[in-house]
Amino acid sequence: MTTPHPGQTLTVDLSGLNSSDLASLGSALARLSGWNSHTQPVLDVLVDLASQVSRIRDQRTGRRP
C-alpha cells in the first residue's frame, strides 16, 4: 500500500453481501486492525472499513447503533 494522497478515496462495493457475510467481514477487519504489524495508515483504513461494514449491516437489519 502506498502513502495516500490528500483526497484519495478507497471504494468497496458491499452490496452483494448478505448480513451473515457482512458480520464475518466486519469481524475479520476488526481482528486485522488489532495486529501490531500494520502501519498507521493501514490501521486507519481497516478500522474505517470495519465501522462502515458494521453500519451497513445495522441498516440492513434495522438495528440502531
PDB file of N, CA and C in Angstrom:
ATOM      1  N   MET A   1       0.850  -1.173   0.000  1.00  0.00           N
ATOM      2  CA  MET A   1       0.000   0.000   0.000  1.00  0.00           C
ATOM      3  C   MET A   1       0.893   1.233   0.000  1.00  0.00           C
ATOM      4  N   THR A   2       0.614   2.130  -0.884  1.00  0.00           N
ATOM      5  CA  THR A   2       1.397   3.358  -0.960  1.00  0.00           C
ATOM      6  C   THR A   2       0.820   4.397  -0.011  1.00  0.00           C
ATOM      7  N   THR A   3       1.595   5.422   0.239  1.00  0.00           N
ATOM      8  CA  THR A   3       1.126   6.506   1.088  1.00  0.00           C
ATOM      9  C   THR A   3      -0.023   7.219   0.390  1.00  0.00           C
ATOM     10  N   PRO A   4      -1.154   7.371   1.095  1.00  0.00           N
ATOM     11  CA  PRO A   4      -2.301   8.020   0.448  1.00  0.00           C
ATOM     12  C   PRO A   4      -2.050   9.492   0.182  1.00  0.00           C
ATOM     13  N   HIS A   5      -2.613   9.969  -0.889  1.00  0.00           N
ATOM     14  CA  HIS A   5      -2.535  11.384  -1.228  1.00  0.00           C
ATOM     15  C   HIS A   5      -3.799  12.074  -0.733  1.00  0.00           C
ATOM     16  N   PRO A   6      -3.714  13.350  -0.402  1.00  0.00           N
ATOM     17  CA  PRO A   6      -4.917  14.062   0.040  1.00  0.00           C
ATOM     18  C   PRO A   6      -6.044  13.907  -0.980  1.00  0.00           C
ATOM     19  N   GLY A   7      -7.224  13.596  -0.495  1.00  0.00           N
ATOM     20  CA  GLY A   7      -8.382  13.450  -1.360  1.00  0.00           C
ATOM     21  C   GLY A   7      -8.519  12.075  -1.980  1.00  0.00           C
ATOM     22  N   GLN A   8      -7.558  11.193  -1.722  1.00  0.00           N
ATOM     23  CA  GLN A   8      -7.617   9.836  -2.266  1.00  0.00           C
ATOM     24  C   GLN A   8      -8.715   9.054  -1.551  1.00  0.00           C
ATOM     25  N   THR A   9      -9.511   8.290  -2.313  1.00  0.00           N
ATOM     26  CA  THR A   9     -10.637   7.564  -1.751  1.00  0.00           C
ATOM     27  C   THR A   9     -10.580   6.098  -2.145  1.00  0.00           C
ATOM     28  N   LEU A  10     -10.852   5.228  -1.196  1.00  0.00           N
ATOM     29  CA  LEU A  10     -10.974   3.804  -1.446  1.00  0.00           C
ATOM     30  C   LEU A  10     -12.455   3.465  -1.419  1.00  0.00           C
ATOM     31  N   THR A  11     -12.949   2.828  -2.472  1.00  0.00           N
ATOM     32  CA  THR A  11     -14.358   2.459  -2.542  1.00  0.00           C
ATOM     33  C   THR A  11     -14.465   0.942  -2.611  1.00  0.00           C
ATOM     34  N   VAL A  12     -15.293   0.373  -1.752  1.00  0.00           N
ATOM     35  CA  VAL A  12     -15.518  -1.063  -1.719  1.00  0.00           C
ATOM     36  C   VAL A  12     -17.013  -1.300  -1.848  1.00  0.00           C
ATOM     37  N   ASP A  13     -17.417  -2.115  -2.836  1.00  0.00           N
ATOM     38  CA  ASP A  13     -18.829  -2.407  -3.060  1.00  0.00           C
ATOM     39  C   ASP A  13     -19.223  -3.625  -2.233  1.00  0.00           C
ATOM     40  N   LEU A  14     -20.081  -3.421  -1.234  1.00  0.00           N
ATOM     41  CA  LEU A  14     -20.522  -4.494  -0.361  1.00  0.00           C
ATOM     42  C   LEU A  14     -21.972  -4.893  -0.638  1.00  0.00           C
ATOM     43  N   SER A  15     -22.552  -4.362  -1.703  1.00  0.00           N
ATOM     44  CA  SER A  15     -23.973  -4.576  -1.969  1.00  0.00           C
ATOM     45  C   SER A  15     -24.337  -6.040  -2.185  1.00  0.00           C
ATOM     46  N   GLY A  16     -23.393  -6.858  -2.641  1.00  0.00           N
ATOM     47  CA  GLY A  16     -23.694  -8.253  -2.902  1.00  0.00           C
ATOM     48  C   GLY A  16     -23.586  -9.156  -1.683  1.00  0.00           C
ATOM     49  N   LEU A  17     -23.186  -8.602  -0.553  1.00  0.00           N
ATOM     50  CA  LEU A  17     -23.011  -9.415   0.646  1.00  0.00           C
ATOM     51  C   LEU A  17     -24.292  -9.451   1.473  1.00  0.00           C
ATOM     52  N   ASN A  18     -24.629 -10.630   1.985  1.00  0.00           N
ATOM     53  CA  ASN A  18     -25.782 -10.728   2.885  1.00  0.00           C
ATOM     54  C   ASN A  18     -25.337 -10.385   4.313  1.00  0.00           C
ATOM     55  N   SER A  19     -26.260 -10.357   5.242  1.00  0.00           N
ATOM     56  CA  SER A  19     -25.956  -9.945   6.615  1.00  0.00           C
ATOM     57  C   SER A  19     -24.917 -10.844   7.280  1.00  0.00           C
ATOM     58  N   SER A  20     -24.986 -12.132   7.012  1.00  0.00           N
ATOM     59  CA  SER A  20     -24.020 -13.063   7.590  1.00  0.00           C
ATOM     60  C   SER A  20     -22.621 -12.791   7.054  1.00  0.00           C
ATOM     61  N   ASP A  21     -22.528 -12.551   5.746  1.00  0.00           N
ATOM     62  CA  ASP A  21     -21.231 -12.226   5.141  1.00  0.00           C
ATOM     63  C   ASP A  21     -20.684 -10.916   5.699  1.00  0.00           C
ATOM     64  N   LEU A  22     -21.565  -9.933   5.873  1.00  0.00           N
ATOM     65  CA  LEU A  22     -21.133  -8.653   6.441  1.00  0.00           C
ATOM     66  C   LEU A  22     -20.618  -8.834   7.859  1.00  0.00           C
ATOM     67  N   ALA A  23     -21.276  -9.675   8.635  1.00  0.00           N
ATOM     68  CA  ALA A  23     -20.829  -9.935  10.006  1.00  0.00           C
ATOM     69  C   ALA A  23     -19.444 -10.575  10.000  1.00  0.00           C
ATOM     70  N   SER A  24     -19.234 -11.526   9.104  1.00  0.00           N
ATOM     71  CA  SER A  24     -17.925 -12.191   9.005  1.00  0.00           C
ATOM     72  C   SER A  24     -16.844 -11.208   8.569  1.00  0.00           C
ATOM     73  N   LEU A  25     -17.160 -10.386   7.572  1.00  0.00           N
ATOM     74  CA  LEU A  25     -16.198  -9.398   7.087  1.00  0.00           C
ATOM     75  C   LEU A  25     -15.859  -8.391   8.177  1.00  0.00           C
ATOM     76  N   GLY A  26     -16.863  -7.883   8.866  1.00  0.00           N
ATOM     77  CA  GLY A  26     -16.627  -6.920   9.941  1.00  0.00           C
ATOM     78  C   GLY A  26     -15.755  -7.499  11.044  1.00  0.00           C
ATOM     79  N   SER A  27     -16.014  -8.750  11.385  1.00  0.00           N
ATOM     80  CA  SER A  27     -15.226  -9.421  12.416  1.00  0.00           C
ATOM     81  C   SER A  27     -13.772  -9.593  11.968  1.00  0.00           C
ATOM     82  N   ALA A  28     -13.580  -9.999  10.724  1.00  0.00           N
ATOM     83  CA  ALA A  28     -12.230 -10.183  10.208  1.00  0.00           C
ATOM     84  C   ALA A  28     -11.471  -8.859  10.171  1.00  0.00           C
ATOM     85  N   LEU A  29     -12.135  -7.796   9.730  1.00  0.00           N
ATOM     86  CA  LEU A  29     -11.485  -6.481   9.679  1.00  0.00           C
ATOM     87  C   LEU A  29     -11.122  -5.997  11.080  1.00  0.00           C
ATOM     88  N   ALA A  30     -12.004  -6.233  12.034  1.00  0.00           N
ATOM     89  CA  ALA A  30     -11.731  -5.822  13.412  1.00  0.00           C
ATOM     90  C   ALA A  30     -10.518  -6.579  13.966  1.00  0.00           C
ATOM     91  N   ARG A  31     -10.436  -7.874  13.671  1.00  0.00           N
ATOM     92  CA  ARG A  31      -9.271  -8.655  14.116  1.00  0.00           C
ATOM     93  C   ARG A  31      -7.990  -8.140  13.468  1.00  0.00           C
ATOM     94  N   LEU A  32      -8.045  -7.884  12.167  1.00  0.00           N
ATOM     95  CA  LEU A  32      -6.863  -7.370  11.463  1.00  0.00           C
ATOM     96  C   LEU A  32      -6.400  -6.034  12.018  1.00  0.00           C
ATOM     97  N   SER A  33      -7.347  -5.192  12.393  1.00  0.00           N
ATOM     98  CA  SER A  33      -6.979  -3.867  12.894  1.00  0.00           C
ATOM     99  C   SER A  33      -6.292  -3.943  14.252  1.00  0.00           C
ATOM    100  N   GLY A  34      -6.371  -5.089  14.909  1.00  0.00           N
ATOM    101  CA  GLY A  34      -5.704  -5.273  16.189  1.00  0.00           C
ATOM    102  C   GLY A  34      -4.267  -5.754  16.081  1.00  0.00           C
ATOM    103  N   TRP A  35      -3.837  -6.094  14.877  1.00  0.00           N
ATOM    104  CA  TRP A  35      -2.458  -6.562  14.691  1.00  0.00           C
ATOM    105  C   TRP A  35      -1.489  -5.397  14.778  1.00  0.00           C
ATOM    106  N   ASN A  36      -0.339  -5.635  15.361  1.00  0.00           N
ATOM    107  CA  ASN A  36       0.677  -4.592  15.540  1.00  0.00           C
ATOM    108  C   ASN A  36       1.592  -4.434  14.337  1.00  0.00           C
ATOM    109  N   SER A  37       1.474  -5.293  13.345  1.00  0.00           N
ATOM    110  CA  SER A  37       2.414  -5.277  12.230  1.00  0.00           C
ATOM    111  C   SER A  37       2.032  -4.309  11.110  1.00  0.00           C
ATOM    112  N   HIS A  38       0.908  -3.628  11.240  1.00  0.00           N
ATOM    113  CA  HIS A  38       0.455  -2.700  10.197  1.00  0.00           C
ATOM    114  C   HIS A  38       0.939  -1.285  10.477  1.00  0.00           C
ATOM    115  N   THR A  39       1.128  -0.520   9.414  1.00  0.00           N
ATOM    116  CA  THR A  39       1.451   0.895   9.578  1.00  0.00           C
ATOM    117  C   THR A  39       0.172   1.643   9.935  1.00  0.00           C
ATOM    118  N   GLN A  40       0.297   2.835  10.455  1.00  0.00           N
ATOM    119  CA  GLN A  40      -0.872   3.597  10.898  1.00  0.00           C
ATOM    120  C   GLN A  40      -1.887   3.845   9.775  1.00  0.00           C
ATOM    121  N   PRO A  41      -1.451   4.196   8.564  1.00  0.00           N
ATOM    122  CA  PRO A  41      -2.456   4.390   7.504  1.00  0.00           C
ATOM    123  C   PRO A  41      -3.263   3.115   7.217  1.00  0.00           C
ATOM    124  N   VAL A  42      -2.612   1.962   7.278  1.00  0.00           N
ATOM    125  CA  VAL A  42      -3.322   0.698   7.047  1.00  0.00           C
ATOM    126  C   VAL A  42      -4.302   0.448   8.184  1.00  0.00           C
ATOM    127  N   LEU A  43      -3.871   0.683   9.411  1.00  0.00           N
ATOM    128  CA  LEU A  43      -4.765   0.516  10.555  1.00  0.00           C
ATOM    129  C   LEU A  43      -5.981   1.429  10.449  1.00  0.00           C
ATOM    130  N   ASP A  44      -5.745   2.666  10.039  1.00  0.00           N
ATOM    131  CA  ASP A  44      -6.847   3.616   9.891  1.00  0.00           C
ATOM    132  C   ASP A  44      -7.870   3.119   8.875  1.00  0.00           C
ATOM    133  N   VAL A  45      -7.401   2.565   7.754  1.00  0.00           N
ATOM    134  CA  VAL A  45      -8.297   2.055   6.718  1.00  0.00           C
ATOM    135  C   VAL A  45      -9.072   0.850   7.238  1.00  0.00           C
ATOM    136  N   LEU A  46      -8.394  -0.069   7.929  1.00  0.00           N
ATOM    137  CA  LEU A  46      -9.063  -1.252   8.456  1.00  0.00           C
ATOM    138  C   LEU A  46     -10.145  -0.889   9.468  1.00  0.00           C
ATOM    139  N   VAL A  47      -9.833   0.032  10.358  1.00  0.00           N
ATOM    140  CA  VAL A  47     -10.812   0.463  11.362  1.00  0.00           C
ATOM    141  C   VAL A  47     -12.002   1.142  10.682  1.00  0.00           C
ATOM    142  N   ASP A  48     -11.724   1.983   9.691  1.00  0.00           N
ATOM    143  CA  ASP A  48     -12.797   2.670   8.974  1.00  0.00           C
ATOM    144  C   ASP A  48     -13.679   1.672   8.223  1.00  0.00           C
ATOM    145  N   LEU A  49     -13.067   0.714   7.553  1.00  0.00           N
ATOM    146  CA  LEU A  49     -13.846  -0.296   6.829  1.00  0.00           C
ATOM    147  C   LEU A  49     -14.688  -1.139   7.788  1.00  0.00           C
ATOM    148  N   ALA A  50     -14.116  -1.535   8.910  1.00  0.00           N
ATOM    149  CA  ALA A  50     -14.872  -2.322   9.897  1.00  0.00           C
ATOM    150  C   ALA A  50     -16.076  -1.536  10.404  1.00  0.00           C
ATOM    151  N   SER A  51     -15.886  -0.248  10.642  1.00  0.00           N
ATOM    152  CA  SER A  51     -17.001   0.599  11.102  1.00  0.00           C
ATOM    153  C   SER A  51     -18.083   0.731  10.038  1.00  0.00           C
ATOM    154  N   GLN A  52     -17.664   0.905   8.792  1.00  0.00           N
ATOM    155  CA  GLN A  52     -18.634   1.032   7.706  1.00  0.00           C
ATOM    156  C   GLN A  52     -19.413  -0.260   7.506  1.00  0.00           C
ATOM    157  N   VAL A  53     -18.735  -1.393   7.573  1.00  0.00           N
ATOM    158  CA  VAL A  53     -19.409  -2.689   7.432  1.00  0.00           C
ATOM    159  C   VAL A  53     -20.438  -2.848   8.545  1.00  0.00           C
ATOM    160  N   SER A  54     -20.073  -2.478   9.758  1.00  0.00           N
ATOM    161  CA  SER A  54     -20.995  -2.580  10.884  1.00  0.00           C
ATOM    162  C   SER A  54     -22.225  -1.694  10.680  1.00  0.00           C
ATOM    163  N   ARG A  55     -22.007  -0.471  10.199  1.00  0.00           N
ATOM    164  CA  ARG A  55     -23.138   0.437   9.959  1.00  0.00           C
ATOM    165  C   ARG A  55     -24.060  -0.104   8.862  1.00  0.00           C
ATOM    166  N   ILE A  56     -23.471  -0.625   7.786  1.00  0.00           N
ATOM    167  CA  ILE A  56     -24.279  -1.176   6.693  1.00  0.00           C
ATOM    168  C   ILE A  56     -25.104  -2.352   7.193  1.00  0.00           C
ATOM    169  N   ARG A  57     -24.487  -3.228   7.958  1.00  0.00           N
ATOM    170  CA  ARG A  57     -25.205  -4.391   8.487  1.00  0.00           C
ATOM    171  C   ARG A  57     -26.342  -3.942   9.403  1.00  0.00           C
ATOM    172  N   ASP A  58     -26.066  -2.972  10.262  1.00  0.00           N
ATOM    173  CA  ASP A  58     -27.113  -2.457  11.153  1.00  0.00           C
ATOM    174  C   ASP A  58     -28.273  -1.856  10.360  1.00  0.00           C
ATOM    175  N   GLN A  59     -27.962  -1.133   9.294  1.00  0.00           N
ATOM    176  CA  GLN A  59     -29.018  -0.540   8.460  1.00  0.00           C
ATOM    177  C   GLN A  59     -29.865  -1.622   7.814  1.00  0.00           C
ATOM    178  N   ARG A  60     -29.217  -2.655   7.322  1.00  0.00           N
ATOM    179  CA  ARG A  60     -29.946  -3.736   6.651  1.00  0.00           C
ATOM    180  C   ARG A  60     -30.822  -4.521   7.598  1.00  0.00           C
ATOM    181  N   THR A  61     -30.380  -4.679   8.828  1.00  0.00           N
ATOM    182  CA  THR A  61     -31.137  -5.482   9.786  1.00  0.00           C
ATOM    183  C   THR A  61     -32.050  -4.629  10.657  1.00  0.00           C
ATOM    184  N   GLY A  62     -32.028  -3.318  10.443  1.00  0.00           N
ATOM    185  CA  GLY A  62     -32.899  -2.422  11.197  1.00  0.00           C
ATOM    186  C   GLY A  62     -32.416  -2.139  12.603  1.00  0.00           C
ATOM    187  N   ARG A  63     -31.163  -2.450  12.891  1.00  0.00           N
ATOM    188  CA  ARG A  63     -30.606  -2.178  14.221  1.00  0.00           C
ATOM    189  C   ARG A  63     -30.225  -0.711  14.333  1.00  0.00           C
ATOM    190  N   ARG A  64     -30.269  -0.221  15.545  1.00  0.00           N
ATOM    191  CA  ARG A  64     -29.818   1.145  15.803  1.00  0.00           C
ATOM    192  C   ARG A  64     -28.461   1.079  16.460  1.00  0.00           C
ATOM    193  N   PRO A  65     -27.557   1.987  16.063  1.00  0.00           N
ATOM    194  CA  PRO A  65     -26.196   1.978  16.661  1.00  0.00           C
ATOM    195  C   PRO A  65     -26.203   2.312  18.127  1.00  0.00           C
TER     196      PRO A  65
END
